[in-house]
Amino acid sequence: MFTKLKTAIKELAKKAVVMAEEALGSNTGQQKKEMALEFIISNIPVIAPFKTIIAGLLSKFIDEAIELAVARMKEL
């Protein structure tokens, strides 16, 4: 289950970073990261009551996924 969830989070991170960049443009990186984090948490493929629990358990992984997505976007 966690493997599929982690894969879904990585894909959501890619979408979240692009969305935050388009929406916020030249705003600070912290605002973009917060927006991406909110997007990922709201779209995690688990039922609503467990979203915050999963987000808490996987917070470090989610942060790393966002940072990796940002790095990949900068490469392009």
C-alpha atoms as a PDB file:
ATOM      1  CA  MET A   1       0.000   0.000   0.000  1.00  0.00           C
ATOM      2  CA  PHE A   2       2.725   2.474   0.930  1.00  0.00           C
ATOM      3  CA  THR A   3       4.577   1.802  -2.318  1.00  0.00           C
ATOM      4  CA  LYS A   4       1.541   2.779  -4.383  1.00  0.00           C
ATOM      5  CA  LEU A   5       0.925   5.749  -2.123  1.00  0.00           C
ATOM      6  CA  LYS A   6       4.515   6.956  -2.485  1.00  0.00           C
ATOM      7  CA  THR A   7       4.296   6.633  -6.266  1.00  0.00           C
ATOM      8  CA  ALA A   8       1.076   8.653  -6.243  1.00  0.00           C
ATOM      9  CA  ILE A   9       2.714  11.316  -4.059  1.00  0.00           C
ATOM     10  CA  LYS A  10       5.653  11.628  -6.471  1.00  0.00           C
ATOM     11  CA  GLU A  11       3.257  12.168  -9.375  1.00  0.00           C
ATOM     12  CA  LEU A  12       1.214  14.654  -7.360  1.00  0.00           C
ATOM     13  CA  ALA A  13       4.401  16.520  -6.455  1.00  0.00           C
ATOM     14  CA  LYS A  14       5.237  17.024 -10.125  1.00  0.00           C
ATOM     15  CA  LYS A  15       1.783  18.432 -10.807  1.00  0.00           C
ATOM     16  CA  ALA A  16       1.822  20.523  -7.630  1.00  0.00           C
ATOM     17  CA  VAL A  17       5.142  22.178  -8.431  1.00  0.00           C
ATOM     18  CA  VAL A  18       4.036  23.107 -11.943  1.00  0.00           C
ATOM     19  CA  MET A  19       0.713  24.412 -10.632  1.00  0.00           C
ATOM     20  CA  ALA A  20       2.397  26.479  -7.906  1.00  0.00           C
ATOM     21  CA  GLU A  21       4.888  27.933 -10.376  1.00  0.00           C
ATOM     22  CA  GLU A  22       2.120  28.921 -12.788  1.00  0.00           C
ATOM     23  CA  ALA A  23      -0.111  30.332 -10.064  1.00  0.00           C
ATOM     24  CA  LEU A  24       2.465  32.218  -8.020  1.00  0.00           C
ATOM     25  CA  GLY A  25       5.136  33.010 -10.582  1.00  0.00           C
ATOM     26  CA  SER A  26       7.944  34.920  -8.972  1.00  0.00           C
ATOM     27  CA  ASN A  27       6.724  34.711  -5.369  1.00  0.00           C
ATOM     28  CA  THR A  28       8.958  33.203  -2.749  1.00  0.00           C
ATOM     29  CA  GLY A  29       9.835  29.537  -2.823  1.00  0.00           C
ATOM     30  CA  GLN A  30       8.262  29.010   0.590  1.00  0.00           C
ATOM     31  CA  GLN A  31       4.825  30.107  -0.671  1.00  0.00           C
ATOM     32  CA  LYS A  32       5.166  27.782  -3.649  1.00  0.00           C
ATOM     33  CA  LYS A  33       6.157  24.894  -1.391  1.00  0.00           C
ATOM     34  CA  GLU A  34       3.187  25.503   0.903  1.00  0.00           C
ATOM     35  CA  MET A  35       0.829  25.590  -2.070  1.00  0.00           C
ATOM     36  CA  ALA A  36       2.325  22.380  -3.455  1.00  0.00           C
ATOM     37  CA  LEU A  37       2.049  20.709  -0.049  1.00  0.00           C
ATOM     38  CA  GLU A  38      -1.623  21.658   0.266  1.00  0.00           C
ATOM     39  CA  PHE A  39      -2.285  20.333  -3.244  1.00  0.00           C
ATOM     40  CA  ILE A  40      -0.617  17.011  -2.482  1.00  0.00           C
ATOM     41  CA  ILE A  41      -2.397  16.523   0.828  1.00  0.00           C
ATOM     42  CA  SER A  42      -5.778  17.361  -0.650  1.00  0.00           C
ATOM     43  CA  ASN A  43      -5.240  14.892  -3.509  1.00  0.00           C
ATOM     44  CA  ILE A  44      -3.650  11.946  -1.676  1.00  0.00           C
ATOM     45  CA  PRO A  45      -5.601   8.863  -2.783  1.00  0.00           C
ATOM     46  CA  VAL A  46      -6.935   7.906   0.662  1.00  0.00           C
ATOM     47  CA  ILE A  47     -10.257   8.579   2.325  1.00  0.00           C
ATOM     48  CA  ALA A  48     -10.639  12.025   3.867  1.00  0.00           C
ATOM     49  CA  PRO A  49     -10.308  11.181   7.586  1.00  0.00           C
ATOM     50  CA  PHE A  50      -6.907   9.562   6.970  1.00  0.00           C
ATOM     51  CA  LYS A  51      -5.371  12.294   4.788  1.00  0.00           C
ATOM     52  CA  THR A  52      -3.908  14.273   7.680  1.00  0.00           C
ATOM     53  CA  ILE A  53      -2.630  11.111   9.363  1.00  0.00           C
ATOM     54  CA  ILE A  54      -0.911   9.909   6.188  1.00  0.00           C
ATOM     55  CA  ALA A  55       0.436  13.407   5.539  1.00  0.00           C
ATOM     56  CA  GLY A  56       1.923  13.448   9.028  1.00  0.00           C
ATOM     57  CA  LEU A  57       3.466  10.003   8.669  1.00  0.00           C
ATOM     58  CA  LEU A  58       4.912  10.767   5.255  1.00  0.00           C
ATOM     59  CA  SER A  59       5.709  14.457   5.738  1.00  0.00           C
ATOM     60  CA  LYS A  60       9.452  14.015   5.187  1.00  0.00           C
ATOM     61  CA  PHE A  61       8.826  11.942   2.068  1.00  0.00           C
ATOM     62  CA  ILE A  62       6.382  14.548   0.730  1.00  0.00           C
ATOM     63  CA  ASP A  63       8.915  17.329   1.305  1.00  0.00           C
ATOM     64  CA  GLU A  64      11.587  15.329  -0.502  1.00  0.00           C
ATOM     65  CA  ALA A  65       9.197  14.628  -3.397  1.00  0.00           C
ATOM     66  CA  ILE A  66       8.495  18.355  -3.740  1.00  0.00           C
ATOM     67  CA  GLU A  67      12.202  19.200  -3.674  1.00  0.00           C
ATOM     68  CA  LEU A  68      12.920  16.533  -6.293  1.00  0.00           C
ATOM     69  CA  ALA A  69      10.112  17.849  -8.510  1.00  0.00           C
ATOM     70  CA  VAL A  70      11.498  21.384  -8.184  1.00  0.00           C
ATOM     71  CA  ALA A  71      14.979  20.190  -9.144  1.00  0.00           C
ATOM     72  CA  ARG A  72      13.620  18.361 -12.188  1.00  0.00           C
ATOM     73  CA  MET A  73      11.637  21.396 -13.255  1.00  0.00           C
ATOM     74  CA  LYS A  74      14.718  23.615 -13.019  1.00  0.00           C
ATOM     75  CA  GLU A  75      16.600  21.166 -15.259  1.00  0.00           C
ATOM     76  CA  LEU A  76      14.000  21.645 -17.969  1.00  0.00           C
END
